[in-house]
Protein backbone atom coordinates (compact mmCIF):
# COMPACT_ATOMS: atom_id res chain seq x y z
CA MET A 1 83.59 119.61 123.85
CA SER A 2 83.52 116.86 126.80
CA SER A 3 85.56 113.95 127.56
CA LEU A 4 85.39 111.27 124.12
CA ASP A 5 84.99 108.06 124.07
CA ARG A 6 86.11 105.28 122.24
CA ILE A 7 85.46 102.87 119.87
CA VAL A 8 88.38 100.30 119.73
CA ILE A 9 88.71 97.78 116.77
CA THR A 10 91.96 95.13 116.76
CA GLY A 11 93.39 92.73 114.71
CA ILE A 12 92.10 94.13 111.86
CA GLU A 13 94.64 91.33 109.80
CA PHE A 14 95.39 91.92 105.84
CA TYR A 15 97.94 90.55 103.27
CA GLY A 16 99.60 93.66 101.45
CA TYR A 17 102.80 94.65 99.20
CA HIS A 18 104.77 97.39 100.88
CA GLY A 19 107.90 97.41 101.94
CA ALA A 20 110.80 99.69 101.08
CA SER A 21 112.26 97.23 98.79
CA ASP A 22 110.78 95.78 95.18
CA GLU A 23 111.26 92.54 96.92
CA GLU A 24 108.94 93.21 99.52
CA GLN A 25 106.44 94.90 97.92
CA ALA A 26 106.38 92.07 94.94
CA ILE A 27 106.70 89.10 97.74
CA GLY A 28 104.05 90.88 100.40
CA HIS A 29 103.74 90.35 103.72
CA ARG A 30 100.86 89.90 106.69
CA TYR A 31 99.77 93.25 108.28
CA VAL A 32 97.87 94.10 111.80
CA VAL A 33 96.22 97.24 112.17
CA ASP A 34 94.50 98.01 115.42
CA VAL A 35 92.45 101.27 115.38
CA VAL A 36 90.84 103.65 117.96
CA LEU A 37 88.63 106.02 116.77
CA GLU A 38 87.55 109.45 119.75
CA ALA A 39 84.33 110.68 120.00
CA ASP A 40 80.95 111.59 122.13
CA LEU A 41 79.02 108.58 121.40
CA ARG A 42 76.35 109.79 124.49
CA LYS A 43 73.65 109.67 121.41
CA ALA A 44 74.26 106.28 120.32
CA GLY A 45 74.43 105.10 124.03
CA GLN A 46 71.03 106.67 124.63
CA THR A 47 69.05 105.83 121.39
CA ASP A 48 70.57 102.53 121.03
CA ALA A 49 70.77 103.29 116.67
CA LEU A 50 73.29 101.88 114.51
CA THR A 51 72.77 105.68 112.71
CA ASP A 52 74.48 107.31 115.84
CA THR A 53 77.88 105.89 116.24
CA ILE A 54 80.75 104.66 113.98
CA ASN A 55 80.01 101.25 112.66
CA TYR A 56 82.90 98.86 113.30
CA ALA A 57 82.57 96.43 110.01
CA GLU A 58 82.99 99.79 108.14
CA VAL A 59 85.61 101.42 109.88
CA THR A 60 87.26 97.64 109.29
CA GLN A 61 86.48 97.39 105.81
CA LEU A 62 88.20 100.79 105.13
CA VAL A 63 90.85 100.04 106.66
CA LEU A 64 91.30 96.59 104.49
CA ARG A 65 90.65 98.55 101.30
CA VAL A 66 93.34 101.45 101.63
CA GLY A 67 95.93 97.96 103.42
CA THR A 68 95.03 95.86 99.85
CA SER A 69 94.18 98.20 96.84
CA ARG A 70 97.19 100.39 96.76
CA GLN A 71 100.86 99.80 97.62
CA PHE A 72 103.05 102.59 99.62
CA ARG A 73 107.17 101.57 100.05
CA LEU A 74 107.04 103.19 104.27
CA MET A 75 103.87 102.52 106.49
CA GLU A 76 104.08 105.52 107.30
CA ALA A 77 102.26 106.49 104.81
CA LEU A 78 99.64 103.77 104.75
CA ALA A 79 98.84 104.88 108.01
CA GLU A 80 98.90 108.04 107.48
CA THR A 81 96.35 107.25 104.40
CA MET A 82 94.54 104.91 106.42
CA ALA A 83 93.48 107.79 109.22
CA SER A 84 93.13 110.37 106.93
CA GLU A 85 90.66 108.24 105.37
CA LEU A 86 89.07 107.19 108.36
CA LEU A 87 88.63 111.07 109.47
CA LYS A 88 87.44 111.96 105.94
CA ALA A 89 84.58 109.15 106.12
CA TYR A 90 83.82 109.23 109.70
CA SER A 91 82.96 113.18 110.91
CA LEU A 92 81.58 111.84 114.14
CA ALA A 93 85.21 110.43 114.64
CA GLN A 94 87.87 113.77 116.53
CA THR A 95 90.68 111.87 116.40
CA VAL A 96 91.98 108.36 115.28
CA HIS A 97 94.72 106.63 117.07
CA LEU A 98 96.47 103.88 114.54
CA ARG A 99 98.76 100.93 115.11
CA VAL A 100 99.78 99.27 111.52
CA SER A 101 102.01 96.62 111.64
CA LYS A 102 104.47 94.51 109.04
CA ARG A 103 104.47 90.47 110.98
CA LEU A 104 107.73 88.91 110.13
CA PRO A 105 109.36 92.06 108.61
CA PRO A 106 112.89 91.55 106.79
CA ALA A 107 115.14 93.13 109.65
CA GLY A 108 118.04 90.78 109.46
CA ALA A 109 116.60 89.05 112.48
CA ILE A 110 113.98 87.21 113.53
CA ILE A 111 111.85 89.74 115.04
CA GLU A 112 107.87 89.31 115.55
CA SER A 113 106.70 92.19 114.39
CA ALA A 114 107.34 96.08 113.31
CA GLY A 115 105.05 99.25 112.75
CA VAL A 116 104.28 102.64 113.41
CA GLU A 117 101.67 104.37 115.69
CA MET A 118 100.30 107.57 115.06
CA THR A 119 97.52 109.82 116.02
CA ARG A 120 95.64 112.09 114.03
CA ARG A 121 92.97 115.36 114.99
CA ARG A 122 90.15 116.08 112.94
CA ASP A 123 91.44 119.14 112.63
CA SER A 124 94.24 118.06 110.84
CA ILE A 125 92.50 117.00 107.67
CA ASP A 126 91.20 120.24 107.77
CA ARG A 127 94.26 121.87 107.50
CA LEU A 128 95.25 119.40 104.42
């Protein structure tokens, strides 16, 4: 396969009820997600057809659905679920890179955000 192109979506924000403690899960926090999907986008570039690419509006809705419809103790589990769902939903995507950040987390000090970055490849979901 030739080198892959990228669809980049930054700053997907939502309010979710995730966290290691029961208090965090009850109060909730603001989250920000950045997504990079790697795929061969030559066909879309040639046809100018939305059906030949990955619709970033749909990707955004999937991320929001996962982030707001379930609760997770760890951001790692939240990111893993998002990555898996994206690879399952978009067969054109070969790789997904995610950054999930919790804004103003409880950390014993004031910090802007804390988060995880994750990369998953299509072959990794085939083994699940």
